[in-house]
Amino acid sequence: MNNSDDYFYSESHVWLEEQGDGIFTLGITEHAQNSLGDIVFVELPAEGQQFAAGEGCAVIESVKSASDVIIPISGEVIAINQQLVETPELINQEPFNNGWIVRFRSDVPMDEIAAELMSADDYDAFLDQ
């Protein structure tokens, strides 16, 4: 897999990229988008919506199934990727770039995030299990 060393990963196959000042970008991994197949619809949350760790913050529908996107840390949505409304297949094409899903603000300390989530190497090992 082409997982970036700059991101954190969860067992629910999402990635987080720290933007600074408690702001994170969230998307699904290459493995997740490959498993889903062709993505045809994304249901996005509202800006300002709050989520607890482990809650579904978006829904992705593909030709195979619908899946919740699980937020791995608590936070408040500050931006959504509006491009996904018209072009949900961006997630298939660029899961780590233009295919991001939400940006959110969290007050969870970075040391807790690093302890809870996986590095790229750890995620690759998780996938190999």
N, C-alpha and C. Protein backbone atom coordinates (compact mmCIF):
# COMPACT_ATOMS: atom_id res chain seq x y z
N MET A 1 0.84 -1.20 0.00
CA MET A 1 0.00 0.00 0.00
C MET A 1 0.88 1.25 0.00
N ASN A 2 0.32 2.32 -0.45
CA ASN A 2 1.04 3.60 -0.49
C ASN A 2 0.58 4.49 0.66
N ASN A 3 0.82 4.07 1.88
CA ASN A 3 0.41 4.84 3.04
C ASN A 3 1.49 5.84 3.40
N SER A 4 1.06 7.06 3.66
CA SER A 4 1.99 8.14 3.96
C SER A 4 2.48 8.07 5.40
N ASP A 5 3.76 8.30 5.58
CA ASP A 5 4.35 8.33 6.92
C ASP A 5 3.90 9.56 7.72
N ASP A 6 3.30 10.54 7.06
CA ASP A 6 2.89 11.77 7.73
C ASP A 6 1.52 11.67 8.37
N TYR A 7 0.84 10.54 8.23
CA TYR A 7 -0.53 10.38 8.69
C TYR A 7 -0.60 9.40 9.85
N PHE A 8 -1.72 9.47 10.57
CA PHE A 8 -2.08 8.47 11.56
C PHE A 8 -3.20 7.63 10.96
N TYR A 9 -3.29 6.35 11.38
CA TYR A 9 -4.27 5.42 10.82
C TYR A 9 -5.05 4.73 11.93
N SER A 10 -6.29 4.37 11.62
CA SER A 10 -7.10 3.64 12.60
C SER A 10 -7.45 2.26 12.06
N GLU A 11 -7.91 1.39 12.96
CA GLU A 11 -8.33 0.06 12.56
C GLU A 11 -9.57 0.10 11.68
N SER A 12 -10.30 1.22 11.70
CA SER A 12 -11.48 1.36 10.84
C SER A 12 -11.11 1.93 9.47
N HIS A 13 -9.82 1.94 9.17
CA HIS A 13 -9.29 2.29 7.85
C HIS A 13 -9.51 3.75 7.45
N VAL A 14 -9.34 4.63 8.42
CA VAL A 14 -9.30 6.06 8.12
C VAL A 14 -7.92 6.59 8.44
N TRP A 15 -7.58 7.70 7.80
CA TRP A 15 -6.32 8.36 8.08
C TRP A 15 -6.61 9.75 8.63
N LEU A 16 -5.68 10.24 9.43
CA LEU A 16 -5.72 11.60 9.96
C LEU A 16 -4.40 12.28 9.62
N GLU A 17 -4.52 13.51 9.18
CA GLU A 17 -3.33 14.32 8.96
C GLU A 17 -3.44 15.55 9.85
N GLU A 18 -2.43 15.77 10.68
CA GLU A 18 -2.43 16.93 11.55
C GLU A 18 -2.12 18.18 10.72
N GLN A 19 -2.96 19.20 10.87
CA GLN A 19 -2.77 20.46 10.16
C GLN A 19 -2.15 21.53 11.06
N GLY A 20 -2.11 21.27 12.37
CA GLY A 20 -1.61 22.24 13.35
C GLY A 20 -2.77 22.88 14.09
N ASP A 21 -2.49 23.41 15.26
CA ASP A 21 -3.49 24.09 16.10
C ASP A 21 -4.72 23.24 16.37
N GLY A 22 -4.54 21.93 16.52
CA GLY A 22 -5.65 21.04 16.85
C GLY A 22 -6.58 20.74 15.68
N ILE A 23 -6.16 21.04 14.47
CA ILE A 23 -6.98 20.80 13.28
C ILE A 23 -6.43 19.58 12.54
N PHE A 24 -7.36 18.72 12.12
CA PHE A 24 -7.01 17.48 11.43
C PHE A 24 -7.85 17.33 10.17
N THR A 25 -7.27 16.70 9.17
CA THR A 25 -7.99 16.29 7.98
C THR A 25 -8.17 14.79 8.07
N LEU A 26 -9.35 14.31 7.68
CA LEU A 26 -9.69 12.90 7.77
C LEU A 26 -10.12 12.38 6.40
N GLY A 27 -9.71 11.17 6.08
CA GLY A 27 -10.14 10.49 4.87
C GLY A 27 -10.07 9.00 5.08
N ILE A 28 -10.41 8.23 4.05
CA ILE A 28 -10.28 6.79 4.15
C ILE A 28 -9.01 6.35 3.43
N THR A 29 -8.51 5.21 3.82
CA THR A 29 -7.25 4.72 3.28
C THR A 29 -7.43 4.13 1.88
N GLU A 30 -6.31 3.92 1.25
CA GLU A 30 -6.32 3.26 -0.06
C GLU A 30 -6.93 1.86 0.06
N HIS A 31 -6.59 1.15 1.13
CA HIS A 31 -7.15 -0.18 1.37
C HIS A 31 -8.68 -0.11 1.44
N ALA A 32 -9.20 0.88 2.17
CA ALA A 32 -10.66 1.02 2.33
C ALA A 32 -11.33 1.31 1.00
N GLN A 33 -10.78 2.24 0.22
CA GLN A 33 -11.43 2.56 -1.04
C GLN A 33 -11.33 1.40 -2.02
N ASN A 34 -10.24 0.63 -1.97
CA ASN A 34 -10.14 -0.57 -2.81
C ASN A 34 -11.19 -1.60 -2.42
N SER A 35 -11.42 -1.76 -1.13
CA SER A 35 -12.40 -2.73 -0.64
C SER A 35 -13.83 -2.32 -1.00
N LEU A 36 -14.09 -1.01 -0.96
CA LEU A 36 -15.43 -0.53 -1.28
C LEU A 36 -15.76 -0.64 -2.76
N GLY A 37 -14.79 -0.47 -3.61
CA GLY A 37 -15.05 -0.44 -5.04
C GLY A 37 -15.43 0.97 -5.47
N ASP A 38 -16.12 1.08 -6.59
CA ASP A 38 -16.47 2.39 -7.14
C ASP A 38 -17.42 3.14 -6.22
N ILE A 39 -16.97 4.28 -5.72
CA ILE A 39 -17.77 5.10 -4.81
C ILE A 39 -18.71 5.97 -5.63
N VAL A 40 -20.01 5.93 -5.26
CA VAL A 40 -21.03 6.64 -6.04
C VAL A 40 -21.71 7.76 -5.26
N PHE A 41 -21.55 7.79 -3.92
CA PHE A 41 -22.22 8.82 -3.12
C PHE A 41 -21.51 8.95 -1.78
N VAL A 42 -21.42 10.19 -1.29
CA VAL A 42 -20.86 10.44 0.04
C VAL A 42 -21.83 11.35 0.79
N GLU A 43 -22.26 10.89 1.96
CA GLU A 43 -23.10 11.71 2.84
C GLU A 43 -22.19 12.37 3.85
N LEU A 44 -22.11 13.69 3.78
CA LEU A 44 -21.19 14.45 4.63
C LEU A 44 -21.93 15.04 5.83
N PRO A 45 -21.22 15.26 6.93
CA PRO A 45 -21.84 15.90 8.10
C PRO A 45 -21.95 17.41 7.86
N ALA A 46 -22.61 18.07 8.77
CA ALA A 46 -22.72 19.53 8.72
C ALA A 46 -21.52 20.15 9.43
N GLU A 47 -21.07 21.28 8.92
CA GLU A 47 -20.03 22.01 9.64
C GLU A 47 -20.59 22.40 11.01
N GLY A 48 -19.74 22.30 12.01
CA GLY A 48 -20.16 22.59 13.38
C GLY A 48 -20.65 21.36 14.13
N GLN A 49 -20.89 20.27 13.42
CA GLN A 49 -21.35 19.05 14.07
C GLN A 49 -20.22 18.47 14.91
N GLN A 50 -20.55 17.96 16.08
CA GLN A 50 -19.58 17.38 17.00
C GLN A 50 -19.71 15.87 16.99
N PHE A 51 -18.57 15.19 17.08
CA PHE A 51 -18.54 13.74 17.12
C PHE A 51 -17.64 13.26 18.23
N ALA A 52 -18.05 12.17 18.86
CA ALA A 52 -17.20 11.50 19.83
C ALA A 52 -16.37 10.45 19.10
N ALA A 53 -15.23 10.12 19.67
CA ALA A 53 -14.39 9.08 19.08
C ALA A 53 -15.20 7.81 18.90
N GLY A 54 -15.09 7.19 17.73
CA GLY A 54 -15.80 5.95 17.44
C GLY A 54 -17.15 6.12 16.78
N GLU A 55 -17.60 7.36 16.60
CA GLU A 55 -18.88 7.60 15.94
C GLU A 55 -18.69 7.70 14.43
N GLY A 56 -19.75 7.40 13.70
CA GLY A 56 -19.74 7.59 12.26
C GLY A 56 -19.93 9.06 11.94
N CYS A 57 -19.02 9.64 11.16
CA CYS A 57 -19.10 11.06 10.84
C CYS A 57 -19.51 11.30 9.39
N ALA A 58 -19.55 10.25 8.59
CA ALA A 58 -19.95 10.36 7.19
C ALA A 58 -20.34 8.96 6.73
N VAL A 59 -21.01 8.88 5.58
CA VAL A 59 -21.37 7.59 4.99
C VAL A 59 -20.88 7.59 3.55
N ILE A 60 -20.22 6.50 3.18
CA ILE A 60 -19.76 6.33 1.81
C ILE A 60 -20.53 5.18 1.19
N GLU A 61 -21.15 5.45 0.03
CA GLU A 61 -21.86 4.40 -0.69
C GLU A 61 -21.08 4.07 -1.95
N SER A 62 -20.94 2.77 -2.17
CA SER A 62 -20.26 2.29 -3.37
C SER A 62 -21.20 1.36 -4.11
N VAL A 63 -20.74 0.84 -5.23
CA VAL A 63 -21.56 -0.11 -5.96
C VAL A 63 -21.72 -1.41 -5.17
N LYS A 64 -20.86 -1.63 -4.18
CA LYS A 64 -20.90 -2.85 -3.37
C LYS A 64 -21.72 -2.69 -2.09
N SER A 65 -21.57 -1.54 -1.40
CA SER A 65 -22.17 -1.40 -0.08
C SER A 65 -22.13 0.06 0.39
N ALA A 66 -22.69 0.27 1.57
CA ALA A 66 -22.58 1.57 2.24
C ALA A 66 -21.80 1.35 3.53
N SER A 67 -20.91 2.29 3.85
CA SER A 67 -20.08 2.16 5.04
C SER A 67 -19.99 3.47 5.78
N ASP A 68 -20.05 3.37 7.10
CA ASP A 68 -19.81 4.55 7.94
C ASP A 68 -18.33 4.87 7.97
N VAL A 69 -18.01 6.14 8.00
CA VAL A 69 -16.64 6.60 8.21
C VAL A 69 -16.55 6.92 9.70
N ILE A 70 -15.73 6.18 10.41
CA ILE A 70 -15.64 6.30 11.86
C ILE A 70 -14.53 7.29 12.23
N ILE A 71 -14.91 8.30 12.99
CA ILE A 71 -13.93 9.30 13.43
C ILE A 71 -13.16 8.71 14.63
N PRO A 72 -11.83 8.68 14.56
CA PRO A 72 -11.07 8.00 15.61
C PRO A 72 -10.83 8.83 16.87
N ILE A 73 -10.99 10.14 16.79
CA ILE A 73 -10.86 11.01 17.96
C ILE A 73 -12.02 12.00 17.95
N SER A 74 -12.38 12.49 19.12
CA SER A 74 -13.50 13.42 19.19
C SER A 74 -13.13 14.77 18.59
N GLY A 75 -14.14 15.46 18.05
CA GLY A 75 -13.88 16.77 17.48
C GLY A 75 -15.11 17.40 16.85
N GLU A 76 -14.93 18.63 16.40
CA GLU A 76 -15.98 19.40 15.76
C GLU A 76 -15.61 19.64 14.30
N VAL A 77 -16.52 19.31 13.40
CA VAL A 77 -16.29 19.49 11.97
C VAL A 77 -16.20 20.98 11.66
N ILE A 78 -15.11 21.37 11.00
CA ILE A 78 -14.94 22.78 10.62
C ILE A 78 -14.99 22.98 9.11
N ALA A 79 -14.86 21.88 8.35
CA ALA A 79 -14.94 21.98 6.89
C ALA A 79 -15.27 20.60 6.34
N ILE A 80 -16.01 20.60 5.24
CA ILE A 80 -16.31 19.36 4.53
C ILE A 80 -15.79 19.50 3.10
N ASN A 81 -15.48 18.38 2.49
CA ASN A 81 -14.99 18.40 1.12
C ASN A 81 -16.19 18.44 0.18
N GLN A 82 -16.61 19.63 -0.15
CA GLN A 82 -17.78 19.87 -1.00
C GLN A 82 -17.63 19.22 -2.37
N GLN A 83 -16.40 19.03 -2.86
CA GLN A 83 -16.18 18.38 -4.16
C GLN A 83 -16.76 16.97 -4.20
N LEU A 84 -16.84 16.31 -3.05
CA LEU A 84 -17.32 14.94 -3.02
C LEU A 84 -18.81 14.83 -3.32
N VAL A 85 -19.55 15.91 -3.16
CA VAL A 85 -20.97 15.89 -3.47
C VAL A 85 -21.18 15.63 -4.96
N GLU A 86 -20.42 16.32 -5.78
CA GLU A 86 -20.54 16.17 -7.24
C GLU A 86 -19.63 15.08 -7.80
N THR A 87 -18.51 14.82 -7.12
CA THR A 87 -17.51 13.89 -7.65
C THR A 87 -17.04 12.93 -6.54
N PRO A 88 -17.92 12.04 -6.07
CA PRO A 88 -17.53 11.14 -4.97
C PRO A 88 -16.38 10.21 -5.34
N GLU A 89 -16.19 9.97 -6.64
CA GLU A 89 -15.11 9.08 -7.07
C GLU A 89 -13.73 9.65 -6.82
N LEU A 90 -13.64 10.91 -6.38
CA LEU A 90 -12.34 11.47 -5.98
C LEU A 90 -11.69 10.61 -4.89
N ILE A 91 -12.52 10.00 -4.06
CA ILE A 91 -11.98 9.14 -3.00
C ILE A 91 -11.25 7.95 -3.63
N ASN A 92 -11.81 7.38 -4.70
CA ASN A 92 -11.14 6.27 -5.39
C ASN A 92 -9.88 6.75 -6.07
N GLN A 93 -9.93 7.92 -6.67
CA GLN A 93 -8.81 8.43 -7.46
C GLN A 93 -7.66 8.94 -6.59
N GLU A 94 -7.98 9.63 -5.52
CA GLU A 94 -6.95 10.26 -4.68
C GLU A 94 -7.34 10.20 -3.21
N PRO A 95 -7.33 9.03 -2.58
CA PRO A 95 -7.80 8.95 -1.21
C PRO A 95 -7.01 9.79 -0.21
N PHE A 96 -5.75 10.13 -0.54
CA PHE A 96 -4.94 10.92 0.39
C PHE A 96 -4.85 12.39 0.02
N ASN A 97 -5.41 12.80 -1.06
CA ASN A 97 -5.28 14.19 -1.47
C ASN A 97 -6.66 14.82 -1.61
N ASN A 98 -7.12 14.96 -2.83
CA ASN A 98 -8.41 15.60 -3.08
C ASN A 98 -9.59 14.80 -2.56
N GLY A 99 -9.37 13.56 -2.16
CA GLY A 99 -10.44 12.72 -1.66
C GLY A 99 -10.65 12.80 -0.15
N TRP A 100 -10.07 13.79 0.51
CA TRP A 100 -10.32 13.95 1.95
C TRP A 100 -11.82 14.16 2.19
N ILE A 101 -12.28 13.86 3.40
CA ILE A 101 -13.72 13.91 3.68
C ILE A 101 -14.08 15.11 4.55
N VAL A 102 -13.45 15.24 5.72
CA VAL A 102 -13.75 16.36 6.62
C VAL A 102 -12.46 16.89 7.24
N ARG A 103 -12.55 18.14 7.69
CA ARG A 103 -11.54 18.72 8.58
C ARG A 103 -12.26 19.00 9.89
N PHE A 104 -11.56 18.73 10.98
CA PHE A 104 -12.19 18.96 12.28
C PHE A 104 -11.16 19.46 13.28
N ARG A 105 -11.69 20.09 14.31
CA ARG A 105 -10.86 20.60 15.40
C ARG A 105 -11.05 19.68 16.59
N SER A 106 -9.94 19.32 17.24
CA SER A 106 -9.99 18.45 18.39
C SER A 106 -9.06 18.97 19.47
N ASP A 107 -9.46 18.77 20.71
CA ASP A 107 -8.58 19.17 21.81
C ASP A 107 -7.89 17.95 22.44
N VAL A 108 -7.95 16.81 21.74
CA VAL A 108 -7.24 15.62 22.21
C VAL A 108 -5.74 15.87 22.04
N PRO A 109 -4.96 15.69 23.10
CA PRO A 109 -3.51 15.93 23.00
C PRO A 109 -2.84 14.98 21.99
N MET A 110 -1.83 15.49 21.31
CA MET A 110 -1.13 14.71 20.29
C MET A 110 -0.53 13.42 20.84
N ASP A 111 -0.05 13.42 22.08
CA ASP A 111 0.53 12.19 22.62
C ASP A 111 -0.52 11.10 22.77
N GLU A 112 -1.77 11.49 23.10
CA GLU A 112 -2.86 10.51 23.17
C GLU A 112 -3.21 9.99 21.78
N ILE A 113 -3.23 10.89 20.80
CA ILE A 113 -3.54 10.50 19.42
C ILE A 113 -2.49 9.51 18.92
N ALA A 114 -1.23 9.83 19.15
CA ALA A 114 -0.14 8.96 18.71
C ALA A 114 -0.21 7.59 19.40
N ALA A 115 -0.66 7.57 20.65
CA ALA A 115 -0.77 6.30 21.38
C ALA A 115 -1.96 5.47 20.91
N GLU A 116 -3.04 6.13 20.49
CA GLU A 116 -4.27 5.45 20.08
C GLU A 116 -4.24 4.97 18.64
N LEU A 117 -3.57 5.71 17.76
CA LEU A 117 -3.61 5.42 16.33
C LEU A 117 -2.29 4.79 15.86
N MET A 118 -2.27 4.35 14.62
CA MET A 118 -1.11 3.65 14.09
C MET A 118 -0.29 4.54 13.15
N SER A 119 0.99 4.26 13.09
CA SER A 119 1.86 4.85 12.08
C SER A 119 1.61 4.11 10.77
N ALA A 120 2.20 4.59 9.68
CA ALA A 120 2.07 3.90 8.39
C ALA A 120 2.61 2.47 8.47
N ASP A 121 3.75 2.28 9.11
CA ASP A 121 4.33 0.95 9.23
C ASP A 121 3.43 0.02 10.06
N ASP A 122 2.89 0.57 11.16
CA ASP A 122 2.00 -0.23 12.00
C ASP A 122 0.72 -0.58 11.24
N TYR A 123 0.20 0.36 10.46
CA TYR A 123 -1.01 0.09 9.68
C TYR A 123 -0.74 -0.97 8.61
N ASP A 124 0.38 -0.88 7.94
CA ASP A 124 0.74 -1.89 6.95
C ASP A 124 0.82 -3.28 7.60
N ALA A 125 1.41 -3.35 8.80
CA ALA A 125 1.50 -4.62 9.52
C ALA A 125 0.10 -5.11 9.91
N PHE A 126 -0.76 -4.19 10.31
CA PHE A 126 -2.15 -4.52 10.64
C PHE A 126 -2.86 -5.13 9.43
N LEU A 127 -2.65 -4.55 8.26
CA LEU A 127 -3.26 -5.08 7.03
C LEU A 127 -2.75 -6.46 6.67
N ASP A 128 -1.49 -6.74 7.01
CA ASP A 128 -0.89 -8.03 6.69
C ASP A 128 -1.39 -9.17 7.58
N GLN A 129 -2.03 -8.82 8.69
CA GLN A 129 -2.52 -9.85 9.64
C GLN A 129 -3.68 -10.63 9.06
